[in-house]
PDB file of N, CA and C in Angstrom:
ATOM      1  N   UNK A   1     157.728 -56.313 208.558  1.00  0.00           N
ATOM      2  CA  UNK A   1     156.779 -56.859 208.140  1.00  0.00           C
ATOM      3  C   UNK A   1     155.742 -56.391 209.214  1.00  0.00           C
ATOM      4  N   UNK A   2     155.259 -55.081 210.516  1.00  0.00           N
ATOM      5  CA  UNK A   2     154.584 -54.956 211.217  1.00  0.00           C
ATOM      6  C   UNK A   2     153.435 -54.346 210.294  1.00  0.00           C
ATOM      7  N   UNK A   3     154.741 -53.613 209.258  1.00  0.00           N
ATOM      8  CA  UNK A   3     153.830 -52.362 208.639  1.00  0.00           C
ATOM      9  C   UNK A   3     152.821 -53.031 207.726  1.00  0.00           C
ATOM     10  N   UNK A   4     152.677 -54.040 207.503  1.00  0.00           N
ATOM     11  CA  UNK A   4     151.666 -54.427 206.682  1.00  0.00           C
ATOM     12  C   UNK A   4     150.673 -54.771 207.292  1.00  0.00           C
ATOM     13  N   UNK A   5     150.728 -55.328 208.440  1.00  0.00           N
ATOM     14  CA  UNK A   5     149.371 -55.419 209.606  1.00  0.00           C
ATOM     15  C   UNK A   5     148.239 -54.271 209.719  1.00  0.00           C
ATOM     16  N   UNK A   6     148.997 -52.641 209.651  1.00  0.00           N
ATOM     17  CA  UNK A   6     147.835 -52.269 209.879  1.00  0.00           C
ATOM     18  C   UNK A   6     146.937 -52.190 208.425  1.00  0.00           C
ATOM     19  N   UNK A   7     147.925 -51.568 207.256  1.00  0.00           N
ATOM     20  CA  UNK A   7     147.864 -51.760 205.651  1.00  0.00           C
ATOM     21  C   UNK A   7     146.250 -52.852 205.872  1.00  0.00           C
ATOM     22  N   UNK A   8     146.964 -53.787 205.936  1.00  0.00           N
ATOM     23  CA  UNK A   8     145.578 -55.283 206.095  1.00  0.00           C
ATOM     24  C   UNK A   8     144.177 -55.315 206.595  1.00  0.00           C
ATOM     25  N   UNK A   9     144.625 -54.449 207.726  1.00  0.00           N
ATOM     26  CA  UNK A   9     143.383 -54.435 208.854  1.00  0.00           C
ATOM     27  C   UNK A   9     142.908 -53.264 208.069  1.00  0.00           C
ATOM     28  N   UNK A  10     142.917 -51.910 208.010  1.00  0.00           N
ATOM     29  CA  UNK A  10     142.927 -50.502 206.947  1.00  0.00           C
ATOM     30  C   UNK A  10     142.245 -51.292 206.216  1.00  0.00           C
ATOM     31  N   UNK A  11     142.740 -52.367 205.051  1.00  0.00           N
ATOM     32  CA  UNK A  11     141.800 -52.874 203.678  1.00  0.00           C
ATOM     33  C   UNK A  11     140.361 -53.601 203.965  1.00  0.00           C
ATOM     34  N   UNK A  12     140.988 -54.279 205.449  1.00  0.00           N
ATOM     35  CA  UNK A  12     139.713 -55.086 205.408  1.00  0.00           C
ATOM     36  C   UNK A  12     138.108 -54.041 206.050  1.00  0.00           C
ATOM     37  N   UNK A  13     139.017 -53.200 206.319  1.00  0.00           N
ATOM     38  CA  UNK A  13     137.947 -52.897 206.853  1.00  0.00           C
ATOM     39  C   UNK A  13     137.171 -51.849 205.982  1.00  0.00           C
ATOM     40  N   UNK A  14     137.831 -51.087 205.159  1.00  0.00           N
ATOM     41  CA  UNK A  14     136.696 -51.098 204.119  1.00  0.00           C
ATOM     42  C   UNK A  14     136.762 -51.915 203.161  1.00  0.00           C
ATOM     43  N   UNK A  15     137.290 -52.927 202.812  1.00  0.00           N
ATOM     44  CA  UNK A  15     136.173 -53.891 202.259  1.00  0.00           C
ATOM     45  C   UNK A  15     135.230 -54.382 203.370  1.00  0.00           C
ATOM     46  N   UNK A  16     134.654 -54.588 204.209  1.00  0.00           N
ATOM     47  CA  UNK A  16     133.962 -54.480 205.035  1.00  0.00           C
ATOM     48  C   UNK A  16     132.312 -53.647 204.773  1.00  0.00           C
ATOM     49  N   UNK A  17     132.799 -52.231 204.960  1.00  0.00           N
ATOM     50  CA  UNK A  17     132.213 -51.052 204.604  1.00  0.00           C
ATOM     51  C   UNK A  17     131.371 -51.153 203.512  1.00  0.00           C
ATOM     52  N   UNK A  18     132.231 -51.143 202.486  1.00  0.00           N
ATOM     53  CA  UNK A  18     131.673 -51.215 201.078  1.00  0.00           C
ATOM     54  C   UNK A  18     130.886 -52.450 200.672  1.00  0.00           C
ATOM     55  N   UNK A  19     131.031 -53.607 201.210  1.00  0.00           N
ATOM     56  CA  UNK A  19     130.479 -55.300 201.397  1.00  0.00           C
ATOM     57  C   UNK A  19     129.189 -54.309 201.498  1.00  0.00           C
ATOM     58  N   UNK A  20     129.197 -53.883 203.069  1.00  0.00           N
ATOM     59  CA  UNK A  20     128.113 -53.073 203.815  1.00  0.00           C
ATOM     60  C   UNK A  20     126.993 -52.263 202.951  1.00  0.00           C
ATOM     61  N   UNK A  21     127.446 -51.447 202.131  1.00  0.00           N
ATOM     62  CA  UNK A  21     127.237 -50.841 201.144  1.00  0.00           C
ATOM     63  C   UNK A  21     126.943 -51.167 200.039  1.00  0.00           C
ATOM     64  N   UNK A  22     127.400 -52.079 199.919  1.00  0.00           N
ATOM     65  CA  UNK A  22     126.534 -53.214 198.273  1.00  0.00           C
ATOM     66  C   UNK A  22     125.515 -53.551 199.066  1.00  0.00           C
ATOM     67  N   UNK A  23     125.106 -54.192 200.363  1.00  0.00           N
ATOM     68  CA  UNK A  23     123.653 -55.862 200.359  1.00  0.00           C
ATOM     69  C   UNK A  23     123.107 -53.980 200.723  1.00  0.00           C
ATOM     70  N   UNK A  24     122.871 -53.051 201.682  1.00  0.00           N
ATOM     71  CA  UNK A  24     122.745 -52.480 201.382  1.00  0.00           C
ATOM     72  C   UNK A  24     121.320 -50.925 200.419  1.00  0.00           C
ATOM     73  N   UNK A  25     122.197 -51.132 199.512  1.00  0.00           N
ATOM     74  CA  UNK A  25     121.760 -50.937 197.944  1.00  0.00           C
ATOM     75  C   UNK A  25     121.678 -51.648 197.951  1.00  0.00           C
ATOM     76  N   UNK A  26     121.377 -53.099 197.610  1.00  0.00           N
ATOM     77  CA  UNK A  26     120.893 -54.260 197.300  1.00  0.00           C
ATOM     78  C   UNK A  26     119.349 -54.815 197.804  1.00  0.00           C
ATOM     79  N   UNK A  27     119.205 -54.057 199.488  1.00  0.00           N
ATOM     80  CA  UNK A  27     118.004 -54.098 200.239  1.00  0.00           C
ATOM     81  C   UNK A  27     117.164 -52.673 199.992  1.00  0.00           C
ATOM     82  N   UNK A  28     117.800 -52.382 199.226  1.00  0.00           N
ATOM     83  CA  UNK A  28     116.533 -50.448 198.480  1.00  0.00           C
ATOM     84  C   UNK A  28     116.285 -51.091 197.119  1.00  0.00           C
ATOM     85  N   UNK A  29     117.231 -50.670 196.143  1.00  0.00           N
ATOM     86  CA  UNK A  29     116.463 -51.895 194.999  1.00  0.00           C
ATOM     87  C   UNK A  29     115.680 -52.368 194.981  1.00  0.00           C
ATOM     88  N   UNK A  30     115.361 -53.384 196.001  1.00  0.00           N
ATOM     89  CA  UNK A  30     114.539 -55.497 196.529  1.00  0.00           C
ATOM     90  C   UNK A  30     113.757 -53.795 197.000  1.00  0.00           C
ATOM     91  N   UNK A  31     113.807 -53.558 197.411  1.00  0.00           N
ATOM     92  CA  UNK A  31     112.199 -53.023 197.790  1.00  0.00           C
ATOM     93  C   UNK A  31     111.471 -51.792 196.715  1.00  0.00           C
ATOM     94  N   UNK A  32     112.122 -51.321 196.391  1.00  0.00           N
ATOM     95  CA  UNK A  32     112.226 -50.399 194.833  1.00  0.00           C
ATOM     96  C   UNK A  32     111.108 -51.121 194.057  1.00  0.00           C
ATOM     97  N   UNK A  33     112.321 -52.466 194.109  1.00  0.00           N
ATOM     98  CA  UNK A  33     111.048 -53.500 192.570  1.00  0.00           C
ATOM     99  C   UNK A  33     110.046 -53.738 193.142  1.00  0.00           C
ATOM    100  N   UNK A  34     109.889 -53.988 194.646  1.00  0.00           N
ATOM    101  CA  UNK A  34     108.506 -54.679 195.301  1.00  0.00           C
ATOM    102  C   UNK A  34     107.540 -53.454 195.547  1.00  0.00           C
ATOM    103  N   UNK A  35     108.082 -52.486 195.906  1.00  0.00           N
ATOM    104  CA  UNK A  35     106.889 -51.407 195.443  1.00  0.00           C
ATOM    105  C   UNK A  35     106.504 -51.018 193.850  1.00  0.00           C
ATOM    106  N   UNK A  36     107.144 -51.045 193.344  1.00  0.00           N
ATOM    107  CA  UNK A  36     106.751 -50.522 191.780  1.00  0.00           C
ATOM    108  C   UNK A  36     105.489 -51.234 191.573  1.00  0.00           C
ATOM    109  N   UNK A  37     106.548 -53.335 191.296  1.00  0.00           N
ATOM    110  CA  UNK A  37     105.386 -54.547 191.432  1.00  0.00           C
ATOM    111  C   UNK A  37     104.112 -54.601 191.666  1.00  0.00           C
ATOM    112  N   UNK A  38     103.427 -53.153 193.437  1.00  0.00           N
ATOM    113  CA  UNK A  38     102.790 -53.311 194.181  1.00  0.00           C
ATOM    114  C   UNK A  38     101.776 -52.563 193.455  1.00  0.00           C
ATOM    115  N   UNK A  39     102.158 -51.307 193.169  1.00  0.00           N
ATOM    116  CA  UNK A  39     101.432 -49.925 192.984  1.00  0.00           C
ATOM    117  C   UNK A  39     101.696 -49.649 190.991  1.00  0.00           C
ATOM    118  N   UNK A  40     101.781 -51.439 190.253  1.00  0.00           N
ATOM    119  CA  UNK A  40     102.311 -50.591 189.240  1.00  0.00           C
ATOM    120  C   UNK A  40     101.509 -51.987 188.227  1.00  0.00           C
ATOM    121  N   UNK A  41     100.458 -51.720 187.267  1.00  0.00           N
ATOM    122  CA  UNK A  41      99.872 -52.545 186.739  1.00  0.00           C
ATOM    123  C   UNK A  41     100.986 -53.160 185.480  1.00  0.00           C
ATOM    124  N   UNK A  42     100.851 -54.248 185.478  1.00  0.00           N
ATOM    125  CA  UNK A  42     101.470 -54.945 184.485  1.00  0.00           C
ATOM    126  C   UNK A  42     101.199 -54.814 182.656  1.00  0.00           C
ATOM    127  N   UNK A  43     100.065 -53.868 182.184  1.00  0.00           N
ATOM    128  CA  UNK A  43      99.467 -53.734 180.664  1.00  0.00           C
ATOM    129  C   UNK A  43     100.236 -52.463 180.824  1.00  0.00           C
ATOM    130  N   UNK A  44     100.427 -52.275 179.348  1.00  0.00           N
ATOM    131  CA  UNK A  44     100.974 -51.579 178.729  1.00  0.00           C
ATOM    132  C   UNK A  44     100.551 -50.008 178.415  1.00  0.00           C
ATOM    133  N   UNK A  45     101.454 -48.891 179.546  1.00  0.00           N
ATOM    134  CA  UNK A  45     100.636 -47.426 179.378  1.00  0.00           C
ATOM    135  C   UNK A  45     100.247 -47.437 177.539  1.00  0.00           C
ATOM    136  N   UNK A  46      98.882 -46.758 177.700  1.00  0.00           N
ATOM    137  CA  UNK A  46      99.068 -46.567 175.875  1.00  0.00           C
ATOM    138  C   UNK A  46      98.912 -45.244 176.207  1.00  0.00           C
ATOM    139  N   UNK A  47      99.535 -44.266 175.306  1.00  0.00           N
ATOM    140  CA  UNK A  47      99.454 -42.710 174.882  1.00  0.00           C
ATOM    141  C   UNK A  47      98.212 -42.335 174.308  1.00  0.00           C
ATOM    142  N   UNK A  48      97.383 -41.199 174.826  1.00  0.00           N
ATOM    143  CA  UNK A  48      96.154 -41.080 174.497  1.00  0.00           C
ATOM    144  C   UNK A  48      97.123 -40.229 172.434  1.00  0.00           C
ATOM    145  N   UNK A  49      97.663 -39.699 172.442  1.00  0.00           N
ATOM    146  CA  UNK A  49      98.030 -39.373 171.780  1.00  0.00           C
ATOM    147  C   UNK A  49      99.296 -40.435 170.796  1.00  0.00           C
ATOM    148  N   UNK A  50      98.910 -41.556 169.979  1.00  0.00           N
ATOM    149  CA  UNK A  50      99.577 -42.823 169.689  1.00  0.00           C
ATOM    150  C   UNK A  50      97.946 -43.143 169.184  1.00  0.00           C
ATOM    151  N   UNK A  51      97.134 -43.433 170.763  1.00  0.00           N
ATOM    152  CA  UNK A  51      95.945 -44.275 170.297  1.00  0.00           C
ATOM    153  C   UNK A  51      95.201 -43.364 169.045  1.00  0.00           C
ATOM    154  N   UNK A  52      95.452 -41.841 168.736  1.00  0.00           N
ATOM    155  CA  UNK A  52      94.825 -40.855 168.847  1.00  0.00           C
ATOM    156  C   UNK A  52      95.012 -40.689 166.808  1.00  0.00           C
ATOM    157  N   UNK A  53      96.543 -40.622 167.037  1.00  0.00           N
ATOM    158  CA  UNK A  53      97.352 -41.263 165.288  1.00  0.00           C
ATOM    159  C   UNK A  53      96.987 -42.455 164.938  1.00  0.00           C
ATOM    160  N   UNK A  54      97.199 -43.689 166.175  1.00  0.00           N
ATOM    161  CA  UNK A  54      96.680 -44.916 164.686  1.00  0.00           C
ATOM    162  C   UNK A  54      95.099 -45.039 164.821  1.00  0.00           C
ATOM    163  N   UNK A  55      94.269 -44.314 165.227  1.00  0.00           N
ATOM    164  CA  UNK A  55      93.094 -43.964 164.665  1.00  0.00           C
ATOM    165  C   UNK A  55      93.016 -43.154 163.224  1.00  0.00           C
ATOM    166  N   UNK A  56      93.402 -42.372 163.738  1.00  0.00           N
ATOM    167  CA  UNK A  56      93.440 -41.194 162.363  1.00  0.00           C
ATOM    168  C   UNK A  56      93.729 -42.114 161.435  1.00  0.00           C
ATOM    169  N   UNK A  57      95.033 -43.332 160.894  1.00  0.00           N
ATOM    170  CA  UNK A  57      96.023 -43.684 160.299  1.00  0.00           C
ATOM    171  C   UNK A  57      94.685 -44.801 159.441  1.00  0.00           C
ATOM    172  N   UNK A  58      94.096 -45.270 160.682  1.00  0.00           N
ATOM    173  CA  UNK A  58      92.906 -45.971 160.469  1.00  0.00           C
ATOM    174  C   UNK A  58      92.120 -45.633 159.184  1.00  0.00           C
ATOM    175  N   UNK A  59      91.837 -44.773 160.050  1.00  0.00           N
ATOM    176  CA  UNK A  59      90.041 -44.146 158.815  1.00  0.00           C
ATOM    177  C   UNK A  59      90.903 -43.488 157.521  1.00  0.00           C
ATOM    178  N   UNK A  60      91.517 -43.157 157.606  1.00  0.00           N
ATOM    179  CA  UNK A  60      92.339 -42.603 156.631  1.00  0.00           C
ATOM    180  C   UNK A  60      93.069 -43.830 155.086  1.00  0.00           C
ATOM    181  N   UNK A  61      93.126 -45.310 155.658  1.00  0.00           N
ATOM    182  CA  UNK A  61      92.905 -46.313 155.000  1.00  0.00           C
ATOM    183  C   UNK A  61      91.956 -46.390 154.550  1.00  0.00           C
ATOM    184  N   UNK A  62      90.862 -46.406 154.849  1.00  0.00           N
ATOM    185  CA  UNK A  62      89.558 -47.041 154.946  1.00  0.00           C
ATOM    186  C   UNK A  62      88.981 -46.538 153.784  1.00  0.00           C
ATOM    187  N   UNK A  63      89.225 -44.659 154.046  1.00  0.00           N
ATOM    188  CA  UNK A  63      88.255 -43.522 153.414  1.00  0.00           C
ATOM    189  C   UNK A  63      89.202 -43.952 152.182  1.00  0.00           C
ATOM    190  N   UNK A  64      90.404 -44.024 151.828  1.00  0.00           N
ATOM    191  CA  UNK A  64      91.298 -43.970 150.734  1.00  0.00           C
ATOM    192  C   UNK A  64      90.741 -46.075 149.810  1.00  0.00           C
ATOM    193  N   UNK A  65      90.243 -46.666 150.489  1.00  0.00           N
ATOM    194  CA  UNK A  65      90.082 -48.092 150.062  1.00  0.00           C
ATOM    195  C   UNK A  65      89.007 -47.564 149.597  1.00  0.00           C
ATOM    196  N   UNK A  66      87.681 -47.375 150.316  1.00  0.00           N
ATOM    197  CA  UNK A  66      86.404 -46.963 149.827  1.00  0.00           C
ATOM    198  C   UNK A  66      86.198 -46.199 148.535  1.00  0.00           C
ATOM    199  N   UNK A  67      87.272 -45.177 148.407  1.00  0.00           N
ATOM    200  CA  UNK A  67      87.502 -44.446 147.310  1.00  0.00           C
ATOM    201  C   UNK A  67      87.931 -45.219 145.777  1.00  0.00           C
ATOM    202  N   UNK A  68      87.974 -46.197 146.335  1.00  0.00           N
ATOM    203  CA  UNK A  68      88.797 -47.152 145.153  1.00  0.00           C
ATOM    204  C   UNK A  68      88.667 -47.666 144.543  1.00  0.00           C
ATOM    205  N   UNK A  69      87.413 -48.390 145.681  1.00  0.00           N
ATOM    206  CA  UNK A  69      86.203 -49.483 145.435  1.00  0.00           C
ATOM    207  C   UNK A  69      85.277 -48.778 144.564  1.00  0.00           C
ATOM    208  N   UNK A  70      85.029 -47.247 145.860  1.00  0.00           N
ATOM    209  CA  UNK A  70      84.101 -46.280 144.620  1.00  0.00           C
ATOM    210  C   UNK A  70      84.264 -46.271 142.923  1.00  0.00           C
ATOM    211  N   UNK A  71      85.456 -45.957 142.564  1.00  0.00           N
ATOM    212  CA  UNK A  71      85.920 -45.291 140.960  1.00  0.00           C
ATOM    213  C   UNK A  71      86.347 -46.364 140.057  1.00  0.00           C
ATOM    214  N   UNK A  72      86.153 -47.649 140.394  1.00  0.00           N
ATOM    215  CA  UNK A  72      86.294 -49.358 139.858  1.00  0.00           C
ATOM    216  C   UNK A  72      85.452 -49.238 139.365  1.00  0.00           C
ATOM    217  N   UNK A  73      85.379 -50.194 138.047  1.00  0.00           N
ATOM    218  CA  UNK A  73      83.970 -50.649 137.066  1.00  0.00           C
ATOM    219  C   UNK A  73      84.111 -52.029 137.238  1.00  0.00           C
ATOM    220  N   UNK A  74      82.368 -52.605 137.713  1.00  0.00           N
ATOM    221  CA  UNK A  74      82.287 -53.552 137.957  1.00  0.00           C
ATOM    222  C   UNK A  74      83.340 -54.384 136.916  1.00  0.00           C
ATOM    223  N   UNK A  75      83.459 -55.425 137.503  1.00  0.00           N
ATOM    224  CA  UNK A  75      84.218 -56.360 136.423  1.00  0.00           C
ATOM    225  C   UNK A  75      83.306 -57.772 136.560  1.00  0.00           C
ATOM    226  N   UNK A  76      82.894 -58.444 135.340  1.00  0.00           N
ATOM    227  CA  UNK A  76      82.339 -59.624 135.634  1.00  0.00           C
ATOM    228  C   UNK A  76      80.592 -59.865 135.076  1.00  0.00           C
ATOM    229  N   UNK A  77      80.206 -60.414 135.197  1.00  0.00           N
ATOM    230  CA  UNK A  77      78.656 -60.106 134.611  1.00  0.00           C
ATOM    231  C   UNK A  77      77.845 -60.496 135.495  1.00  0.00           C
ATOM    232  N   UNK A  78      78.524 -59.790 137.448  1.00  0.00           N
ATOM    233  CA  UNK A  78      77.506 -60.338 138.185  1.00  0.00           C
ATOM    234  C   UNK A  78      77.175 -58.943 138.836  1.00  0.00           C
TER     235      UNK A  78
END
């Protein structure tokens, strides 16, 4: 029975150290989250390449639509 007391004491010491480490990490994560929320905006960043690509696709669709309308024969009396 005497052997178990030092073993339990060591275990409690290790658990306390682990608890302190977890608490320290949690505090650091909280600080990082606070810094990010303070210095970063909520708006999503738009990559210039993606924006340019979206514009190019829109322009290509518009050109195709205009070409299609130009090649159609008039319908009806109007």
